């Protein structure tokens, strides 16, 4: 994913990186562009409350509160999407941002509406390409995410890097 003014991370991405102690990677990758919404962060905090997710992750991630128009737009989106995904999509549309999500319906909606989209695998690939991680480190993180419950579309990043995806 190219650098945008905003790269909106939903709860699936927040969770995957926090579970392996790497909430800093998306922040390094997009520096001033990485954001989430207060709604998506609230979903993350629900996981913290159940002691599943680390409370100290994402302290430096800026949260966006939806304005009235964005909130109204989000409320009109399909209920197949979670509240966090709807809020991230509304902000992406309103503020010309991109979406970082592993949620298939959210990714499909984003593509149908010309929003650039990536997910956990795409972030790991970008971190390798930009020198934030070595390939073996990224593959180890992916394996740890899978072990923690992430349903990854791939088990290794090697083939994706060779094909330029």
C-alpha atoms as a PDB file:
ATOM      1  CA  UNK A   1       0.000   0.000   0.000  1.00  0.00           C
ATOM      2  CA  UNK A   2       1.351   3.392  -0.944  1.00  0.00           C
ATOM      3  CA  UNK A   3       1.736   6.145   1.624  1.00  0.00           C
ATOM      4  CA  UNK A   4      -1.497   8.037   2.206  1.00  0.00           C
ATOM      5  CA  UNK A   5      -2.489  10.854   4.422  1.00  0.00           C
ATOM      6  CA  UNK A   6      -4.312   8.203   6.452  1.00  0.00           C
ATOM      7  CA  UNK A   7      -3.952   4.446   6.757  1.00  0.00           C
ATOM      8  CA  UNK A   8      -6.843   3.236   8.911  1.00  0.00           C
ATOM      9  CA  UNK A   9      -6.140   0.091  10.933  1.00  0.00           C
ATOM     10  CA  UNK A  10      -9.135  -1.938  12.030  1.00  0.00           C
ATOM     11  CA  UNK A  11      -9.319  -4.264  15.004  1.00  0.00           C
ATOM     12  CA  UNK A  12      -8.160  -7.366  13.086  1.00  0.00           C
ATOM     13  CA  UNK A  13      -4.860  -5.697  12.221  1.00  0.00           C
ATOM     14  CA  UNK A  14      -4.522  -4.116  15.669  1.00  0.00           C
ATOM     15  CA  UNK A  15      -5.039  -7.527  17.252  1.00  0.00           C
ATOM     16  CA  UNK A  16      -2.643  -9.458  15.009  1.00  0.00           C
ATOM     17  CA  UNK A  17       0.278  -7.119  15.589  1.00  0.00           C
ATOM     18  CA  UNK A  18      -0.411  -6.656  19.316  1.00  0.00           C
ATOM     19  CA  UNK A  19      -0.532 -10.414  19.942  1.00  0.00           C
ATOM     20  CA  UNK A  20       3.050 -10.747  18.723  1.00  0.00           C
ATOM     21  CA  UNK A  21       4.275  -7.581  20.432  1.00  0.00           C
ATOM     22  CA  UNK A  22       4.783  -5.685  17.175  1.00  0.00           C
ATOM     23  CA  UNK A  23       2.306  -2.815  17.364  1.00  0.00           C
ATOM     24  CA  UNK A  24       5.221  -0.577  16.358  1.00  0.00           C
ATOM     25  CA  UNK A  25       5.513  -2.020  12.829  1.00  0.00           C
ATOM     26  CA  UNK A  26       2.522  -0.293  11.199  1.00  0.00           C
ATOM     27  CA  UNK A  27       3.623   2.911  12.934  1.00  0.00           C
ATOM     28  CA  UNK A  28       7.131   2.614  11.443  1.00  0.00           C
ATOM     29  CA  UNK A  29       5.694   1.732   8.072  1.00  0.00           C
ATOM     30  CA  UNK A  30       3.301   4.675   7.833  1.00  0.00           C
ATOM     31  CA  UNK A  31       4.765   7.024  10.467  1.00  0.00           C
ATOM     32  CA  UNK A  32       2.391   9.999  10.424  1.00  0.00           C
ATOM     33  CA  UNK A  33      -0.364   8.240   8.430  1.00  0.00           C
ATOM     34  CA  UNK A  34      -1.324   5.291  10.678  1.00  0.00           C
ATOM     35  CA  UNK A  35      -4.617   5.817  12.504  1.00  0.00           C
ATOM     36  CA  UNK A  36      -7.601   3.957  13.841  1.00  0.00           C
ATOM     37  CA  UNK A  37     -11.041   5.108  14.864  1.00  0.00           C
ATOM     38  CA  UNK A  38     -12.227   5.363  18.443  1.00  0.00           C
ATOM     39  CA  UNK A  39     -14.789   2.685  17.549  1.00  0.00           C
ATOM     40  CA  UNK A  40     -12.203   0.225  16.194  1.00  0.00           C
ATOM     41  CA  UNK A  41      -9.983   0.929  19.190  1.00  0.00           C
ATOM     42  CA  UNK A  42     -12.971   0.255  21.447  1.00  0.00           C
ATOM     43  CA  UNK A  43     -13.224  -3.196  19.867  1.00  0.00           C
ATOM     44  CA  UNK A  44      -9.547  -3.732  20.650  1.00  0.00           C
ATOM     45  CA  UNK A  45     -10.108  -2.608  24.258  1.00  0.00           C
ATOM     46  CA  UNK A  46     -12.876  -5.211  24.593  1.00  0.00           C
ATOM     47  CA  UNK A  47     -10.166  -7.815  23.976  1.00  0.00           C
ATOM     48  CA  UNK A  48      -7.942  -6.145  26.559  1.00  0.00           C
ATOM     49  CA  UNK A  49     -10.792  -6.323  29.086  1.00  0.00           C
ATOM     50  CA  UNK A  50     -10.980 -10.093  28.643  1.00  0.00           C
ATOM     51  CA  UNK A  51      -7.206 -10.360  29.223  1.00  0.00           C
ATOM     52  CA  UNK A  52      -6.706 -11.693  25.701  1.00  0.00           C
ATOM     53  CA  UNK A  53      -4.905  -8.640  24.311  1.00  0.00           C
ATOM     54  CA  UNK A  54      -2.057  -6.584  25.775  1.00  0.00           C
ATOM     55  CA  UNK A  55      -3.171  -3.321  27.335  1.00  0.00           C
ATOM     56  CA  UNK A  56       0.099  -1.542  26.638  1.00  0.00           C
ATOM     57  CA  UNK A  57      -0.111  -1.864  22.846  1.00  0.00           C
ATOM     58  CA  UNK A  58      -1.089   0.967  20.511  1.00  0.00           C
ATOM     59  CA  UNK A  59      -0.392   3.798  22.952  1.00  0.00           C
ATOM     60  CA  UNK A  60       1.107   5.901  20.158  1.00  0.00           C
ATOM     61  CA  UNK A  61      -1.613   5.215  17.589  1.00  0.00           C
ATOM     62  CA  UNK A  62      -3.794   8.251  16.955  1.00  0.00           C
ATOM     63  CA  UNK A  63      -7.537   7.636  17.204  1.00  0.00           C
ATOM     64  CA  UNK A  64     -10.032   9.463  15.027  1.00  0.00           C
ATOM     65  CA  UNK A  65     -13.493  10.346  16.262  1.00  0.00           C
ATOM     66  CA  UNK A  66     -15.991  10.291  13.417  1.00  0.00           C
ATOM     67  CA  UNK A  67     -17.678  13.552  12.607  1.00  0.00           C
ATOM     68  CA  UNK A  68     -21.452  13.703  12.158  1.00  0.00           C
ATOM     69  CA  UNK A  69     -21.384  12.950   8.420  1.00  0.00           C
ATOM     70  CA  UNK A  70     -18.939  10.059   8.815  1.00  0.00           C
ATOM     71  CA  UNK A  71     -21.030   8.623  11.625  1.00  0.00           C
ATOM     72  CA  UNK A  72     -24.181   8.807   9.502  1.00  0.00           C
ATOM     73  CA  UNK A  73     -22.366   7.194   6.563  1.00  0.00           C
ATOM     74  CA  UNK A  74     -21.013   4.391   8.761  1.00  0.00           C
ATOM     75  CA  UNK A  75     -24.488   3.680  10.114  1.00  0.00           C
ATOM     76  CA  UNK A  76     -25.773   3.163   6.564  1.00  0.00           C
ATOM     77  CA  UNK A  77     -23.137   0.558   5.675  1.00  0.00           C
ATOM     78  CA  UNK A  78     -24.078  -3.102   5.642  1.00  0.00           C
ATOM     79  CA  UNK A  79     -24.452  -4.860   8.973  1.00  0.00           C
ATOM     80  CA  UNK A  80     -22.231  -7.624   7.532  1.00  0.00           C
ATOM     81  CA  UNK A  81     -19.426  -5.300   8.582  1.00  0.00           C
ATOM     82  CA  UNK A  82     -18.489  -4.780  12.193  1.00  0.00           C
ATOM     83  CA  UNK A  83     -18.765  -1.349  13.762  1.00  0.00           C
ATOM     84  CA  UNK A  84     -14.992  -0.874  13.643  1.00  0.00           C
ATOM     85  CA  UNK A  85     -14.792  -1.737   9.957  1.00  0.00           C
ATOM     86  CA  UNK A  86     -17.716   0.555   9.174  1.00  0.00           C
ATOM     87  CA  UNK A  87     -16.077   3.419  11.033  1.00  0.00           C
ATOM     88  CA  UNK A  88     -12.714   2.904   9.304  1.00  0.00           C
ATOM     89  CA  UNK A  89     -14.398   2.738   5.905  1.00  0.00           C
ATOM     90  CA  UNK A  90     -16.400   5.896   6.582  1.00  0.00           C
ATOM     91  CA  UNK A  91     -13.241   7.794   7.484  1.00  0.00           C
ATOM     92  CA  UNK A  92     -11.364   6.335   4.509  1.00  0.00           C
ATOM     93  CA  UNK A  93     -14.100   7.558   2.159  1.00  0.00           C
ATOM     94  CA  UNK A  94     -14.471  10.951   3.813  1.00  0.00           C
ATOM     95  CA  UNK A  95     -10.775  11.728   4.252  1.00  0.00           C
ATOM     96  CA  UNK A  96      -9.267   9.908   1.249  1.00  0.00           C
ATOM     97  CA  UNK A  97      -7.574   7.264   3.350  1.00  0.00           C
ATOM     98  CA  UNK A  98      -6.691   3.622   2.881  1.00  0.00           C
ATOM     99  CA  UNK A  99      -7.895   0.595   4.857  1.00  0.00           C
ATOM    100  CA  UNK A 100      -5.779  -1.993   6.660  1.00  0.00           C
ATOM    101  CA  UNK A 101      -8.068  -4.935   7.458  1.00  0.00           C
ATOM    102  CA  UNK A 102      -8.176  -8.706   7.252  1.00  0.00           C
ATOM    103  CA  UNK A 103     -11.967  -8.745   7.287  1.00  0.00           C
ATOM    104  CA  UNK A 104     -13.038 -10.071   3.865  1.00  0.00           C
ATOM    105  CA  UNK A 105     -16.367  -8.191   3.584  1.00  0.00           C
ATOM    106  CA  UNK A 106     -14.624  -4.935   4.563  1.00  0.00           C
ATOM    107  CA  UNK A 107     -11.854  -5.534   2.031  1.00  0.00           C
ATOM    108  CA  UNK A 108     -14.382  -6.297  -0.700  1.00  0.00           C
ATOM    109  CA  UNK A 109     -16.425  -3.187   0.089  1.00  0.00           C
ATOM    110  CA  UNK A 110     -13.273  -1.062   0.046  1.00  0.00           C
ATOM    111  CA  UNK A 111     -12.185  -2.392  -3.341  1.00  0.00           C
ATOM    112  CA  UNK A 112     -15.672  -1.872  -4.792  1.00  0.00           C
ATOM    113  CA  UNK A 113     -15.471   1.766  -3.689  1.00  0.00           C
ATOM    114  CA  UNK A 114     -11.897   2.402  -4.880  1.00  0.00           C
ATOM    115  CA  UNK A 115     -10.342   2.490  -1.420  1.00  0.00           C
ATOM    116  CA  UNK A 116      -6.820   1.107  -1.356  1.00  0.00           C
ATOM    117  CA  UNK A 117      -6.695  -1.889   0.962  1.00  0.00           C
ATOM    118  CA  UNK A 118      -4.104  -4.060   2.645  1.00  0.00           C
ATOM    119  CA  UNK A 119      -4.012  -6.357   5.641  1.00  0.00           C
ATOM    120  CA  UNK A 120      -1.653  -8.093   7.997  1.00  0.00           C
ATOM    121  CA  UNK A 121       0.178  -9.973   5.232  1.00  0.00           C
ATOM    122  CA  UNK A 122       0.467  -6.817   3.135  1.00  0.00           C
ATOM    123  CA  UNK A 123       1.888  -4.893   6.087  1.00  0.00           C
ATOM    124  CA  UNK A 124       4.465  -7.613   6.732  1.00  0.00           C
ATOM    125  CA  UNK A 125       5.434  -7.624   3.045  1.00  0.00           C
ATOM    126  CA  UNK A 126       5.780  -3.836   3.011  1.00  0.00           C
ATOM    127  CA  UNK A 127       7.938  -3.997   6.153  1.00  0.00           C
ATOM    128  CA  UNK A 128      10.274  -6.444   4.398  1.00  0.00           C
ATOM    129  CA  UNK A 129      10.382  -4.374   1.198  1.00  0.00           C
ATOM    130  CA  UNK A 130      11.133  -1.177   3.115  1.00  0.00           C
ATOM    131  CA  UNK A 131      13.791  -2.757   5.310  1.00  0.00           C
ATOM    132  CA  UNK A 132      11.922  -2.685   8.627  1.00  0.00           C
ATOM    133  CA  UNK A 133      12.111  -6.500   8.832  1.00  0.00           C
ATOM    134  CA  UNK A 134      14.184  -9.268   7.309  1.00  0.00           C
ATOM    135  CA  UNK A 135      12.157 -11.922   5.481  1.00  0.00           C
ATOM    136  CA  UNK A 136      12.870 -14.560   8.130  1.00  0.00           C
ATOM    137  CA  UNK A 137      11.704 -12.157  10.863  1.00  0.00           C
ATOM    138  CA  UNK A 138       8.486 -11.422   8.973  1.00  0.00           C
ATOM    139  CA  UNK A 139       7.846 -15.135   8.423  1.00  0.00           C
ATOM    140  CA  UNK A 140       8.446 -15.779  12.125  1.00  0.00           C
ATOM    141  CA  UNK A 141       5.938 -13.049  13.021  1.00  0.00           C
ATOM    142  CA  UNK A 142       3.421 -14.500  10.581  1.00  0.00           C
ATOM    143  CA  UNK A 143       3.871 -17.962  12.120  1.00  0.00           C
ATOM    144  CA  UNK A 144       3.382 -16.492  15.605  1.00  0.00           C
ATOM    145  CA  UNK A 145       0.224 -14.701  14.460  1.00  0.00           C
ATOM    146  CA  UNK A 146      -1.115 -17.928  12.969  1.00  0.00           C
ATOM    147  CA  UNK A 147      -0.314 -19.761  16.212  1.00  0.00           C
ATOM    148  CA  UNK A 148      -2.254 -17.040  18.069  1.00  0.00           C
ATOM    149  CA  UNK A 149      -5.326 -17.596  15.879  1.00  0.00           C
ATOM    150  CA  UNK A 150      -4.826 -15.470  12.767  1.00  0.00           C
ATOM    151  CA  UNK A 151      -6.387 -17.160   9.733  1.00  0.00           C
ATOM    152  CA  UNK A 152      -3.735 -16.176   7.255  1.00  0.00           C
ATOM    153  CA  UNK A 153      -4.225 -16.742   3.533  1.00  0.00           C
ATOM    154  CA  UNK A 154      -0.566 -17.871   3.361  1.00  0.00           C
ATOM    155  CA  UNK A 155       1.856 -19.678   5.648  1.00  0.00           C
ATOM    156  CA  UNK A 156       4.934 -17.923   4.288  1.00  0.00           C
ATOM    157  CA  UNK A 157       5.695 -14.613   2.618  1.00  0.00           C
ATOM    158  CA  UNK A 158       8.383 -16.052   0.330  1.00  0.00           C
ATOM    159  CA  UNK A 159       6.231 -16.766  -2.717  1.00  0.00           C
ATOM    160  CA  UNK A 160       4.438 -13.407  -2.457  1.00  0.00           C
ATOM    161  CA  UNK A 161       7.741 -11.560  -2.471  1.00  0.00           C
ATOM    162  CA  UNK A 162       8.942 -13.515  -5.503  1.00  0.00           C
ATOM    163  CA  UNK A 163       5.776 -12.696  -7.441  1.00  0.00           C
ATOM    164  CA  UNK A 164       5.844  -9.052  -6.414  1.00  0.00           C
ATOM    165  CA  UNK A 165       2.451  -9.096  -4.709  1.00  0.00           C
END
